[in-house]
Amino acid sequence: MTLDRFYPIVPDASWLRRLAPLGIRTVQLRLKDADPECVQREVAECLALAKRYALQLIVNDYWREAITQGAQWVHLGQEDLA
């Protein structure tokens, strides 16, 4: 499985709901400054959309939630590695 070289980065599931029907194959969820319940909800909704539209979802920063909910891809920045 390979990732597209270029892909959109969305701030929440509402953006993914708009883009997914257009045929994108890869997208990154870059949710910032959200409370834990919101993170859980957004990751779950984005993963459901990814499954429905057969696209690859990359979860930015929230690696615990991504792993717990079964995401295949996680993006970690340098500050996340600490």
C-alpha atoms as a PDB file:
ATOM      1  CA  MET A   1       0.000   0.000   0.000  1.00  0.00           C
ATOM      2  CA  THR A   2       1.412   3.368  -0.989  1.00  0.00           C
ATOM      3  CA  LEU A   3       0.389   6.917  -0.193  1.00  0.00           C
ATOM      4  CA  ASP A   4      -0.268   9.582  -2.779  1.00  0.00           C
ATOM      5  CA  ARG A   5       2.544  12.129  -3.083  1.00  0.00           C
ATOM      6  CA  PHE A   6       0.141  15.045  -2.691  1.00  0.00           C
ATOM      7  CA  TYR A   7      -3.060  14.986  -0.700  1.00  0.00           C
ATOM      8  CA  PRO A   8      -5.400  17.401   1.065  1.00  0.00           C
ATOM      9  CA  ILE A   9      -5.127  18.146   4.772  1.00  0.00           C
ATOM     10  CA  VAL A  10      -8.455  18.730   6.495  1.00  0.00           C
ATOM     11  CA  PRO A  11      -9.207  20.273   9.905  1.00  0.00           C
ATOM     12  CA  ASP A  12     -12.226  18.075  10.707  1.00  0.00           C
ATOM     13  CA  ALA A  13     -14.736  15.509   9.474  1.00  0.00           C
ATOM     14  CA  SER A  14     -17.005  18.137   7.902  1.00  0.00           C
ATOM     15  CA  TRP A  15     -14.295  18.895   5.338  1.00  0.00           C
ATOM     16  CA  LEU A  16     -13.715  15.212   4.677  1.00  0.00           C
ATOM     17  CA  ARG A  17     -17.455  14.715   4.094  1.00  0.00           C
ATOM     18  CA  ARG A  18     -17.206  17.301   1.298  1.00  0.00           C
ATOM     19  CA  LEU A  19     -14.020  15.983  -0.307  1.00  0.00           C
ATOM     20  CA  ALA A  20     -14.442  12.214  -0.061  1.00  0.00           C
ATOM     21  CA  PRO A  21     -17.174  11.945  -2.742  1.00  0.00           C
ATOM     22  CA  LEU A  22     -14.889  13.775  -5.186  1.00  0.00           C
ATOM     23  CA  GLY A  23     -12.573  10.780  -5.486  1.00  0.00           C
ATOM     24  CA  ILE A  24      -9.577  11.700  -3.349  1.00  0.00           C
ATOM     25  CA  ARG A  25      -7.515   8.664  -2.368  1.00  0.00           C
ATOM     26  CA  THR A  26      -5.491   9.992   0.562  1.00  0.00           C
ATOM     27  CA  VAL A  27      -6.229  12.673   3.171  1.00  0.00           C
ATOM     28  CA  GLN A  28      -4.711  13.843   6.431  1.00  0.00           C
ATOM     29  CA  LEU A  29      -6.790  14.834   9.448  1.00  0.00           C
ATOM     30  CA  ARG A  30      -5.022  17.737  11.154  1.00  0.00           C
ATOM     31  CA  LEU A  31      -7.237  18.472  14.126  1.00  0.00           C
ATOM     32  CA  LYS A  32      -5.755  21.106  16.426  1.00  0.00           C
ATOM     33  CA  ASP A  33      -6.520  22.232  19.982  1.00  0.00           C
ATOM     34  CA  ALA A  34      -9.470  19.908  20.493  1.00  0.00           C
ATOM     35  CA  ASP A  35     -10.665  18.356  23.729  1.00  0.00           C
ATOM     36  CA  PRO A  36     -10.294  14.562  24.093  1.00  0.00           C
ATOM     37  CA  GLU A  37     -13.962  13.807  23.383  1.00  0.00           C
ATOM     38  CA  CYS A  38     -13.849  15.862  20.192  1.00  0.00           C
ATOM     39  CA  VAL A  39     -10.670  14.085  19.078  1.00  0.00           C
ATOM     40  CA  GLN A  40     -12.268  10.660  19.634  1.00  0.00           C
ATOM     41  CA  ARG A  41     -15.392  11.688  17.729  1.00  0.00           C
ATOM     42  CA  GLU A  42     -13.528  13.291  14.796  1.00  0.00           C
ATOM     43  CA  VAL A  43     -11.097  10.394  14.366  1.00  0.00           C
ATOM     44  CA  ALA A  44     -13.963   7.887  14.471  1.00  0.00           C
ATOM     45  CA  GLU A  45     -16.033   9.821  11.945  1.00  0.00           C
ATOM     46  CA  CYS A  46     -13.080  10.315   9.598  1.00  0.00           C
ATOM     47  CA  LEU A  47     -12.174   6.632   9.786  1.00  0.00           C
ATOM     48  CA  ALA A  48     -15.781   5.696   8.950  1.00  0.00           C
ATOM     49  CA  LEU A  49     -15.708   8.044   5.960  1.00  0.00           C
ATOM     50  CA  ALA A  50     -12.358   6.640   4.859  1.00  0.00           C
ATOM     51  CA  LYS A  51     -13.767   3.136   4.935  1.00  0.00           C
ATOM     52  CA  ARG A  52     -16.952   4.170   3.106  1.00  0.00           C
ATOM     53  CA  TYR A  53     -15.034   5.899   0.310  1.00  0.00           C
ATOM     54  CA  ALA A  54     -12.029   3.527   0.245  1.00  0.00           C
ATOM     55  CA  LEU A  55      -9.493   6.255   0.953  1.00  0.00           C
ATOM     56  CA  GLN A  56      -6.402   6.346   3.117  1.00  0.00           C
ATOM     57  CA  LEU A  57      -6.656   8.496   6.231  1.00  0.00           C
ATOM     58  CA  ILE A  58      -3.555   9.829   7.936  1.00  0.00           C
ATOM     59  CA  VAL A  59      -4.203  11.019  11.493  1.00  0.00           C
ATOM     60  CA  ASN A  60      -1.946  13.897  12.533  1.00  0.00           C
ATOM     61  CA  ASP A  61      -0.606  14.052  16.110  1.00  0.00           C
ATOM     62  CA  TYR A  62      -3.227  11.960  17.928  1.00  0.00           C
ATOM     63  CA  TRP A  63      -1.399   8.659  17.628  1.00  0.00           C
ATOM     64  CA  ARG A  64      -3.027   7.031  20.652  1.00  0.00           C
ATOM     65  CA  GLU A  65      -6.523   7.670  19.336  1.00  0.00           C
ATOM     66  CA  ALA A  66      -5.467   6.622  15.844  1.00  0.00           C
ATOM     67  CA  ILE A  67      -4.076   3.298  17.042  1.00  0.00           C
ATOM     68  CA  THR A  68      -6.991   2.644  19.398  1.00  0.00           C
ATOM     69  CA  GLN A  69      -9.501   3.211  16.613  1.00  0.00           C
ATOM     70  CA  GLY A  70      -7.603   1.242  13.977  1.00  0.00           C
ATOM     71  CA  ALA A  71      -6.049   3.907  11.760  1.00  0.00           C
ATOM     72  CA  GLN A  72      -3.372   2.572   9.434  1.00  0.00           C
ATOM     73  CA  TRP A  73      -1.430   5.826   9.091  1.00  0.00           C
ATOM     74  CA  VAL A  74      -0.220   8.382  11.630  1.00  0.00           C
ATOM     75  CA  HIS A  75       1.763  11.569  11.045  1.00  0.00           C
ATOM     76  CA  LEU A  76       4.137  12.557  13.849  1.00  0.00           C
ATOM     77  CA  GLY A  77       6.045  15.825  13.950  1.00  0.00           C
ATOM     78  CA  GLN A  78       9.354  16.292  15.717  1.00  0.00           C
ATOM     79  CA  GLU A  79       7.689  17.554  18.896  1.00  0.00           C
ATOM     80  CA  ASP A  80       5.479  14.432  18.952  1.00  0.00           C
ATOM     81  CA  LEU A  81       8.497  12.135  19.138  1.00  0.00           C
ATOM     82  CA  ALA A  82       9.416  13.354  22.617  1.00  0.00           C
END
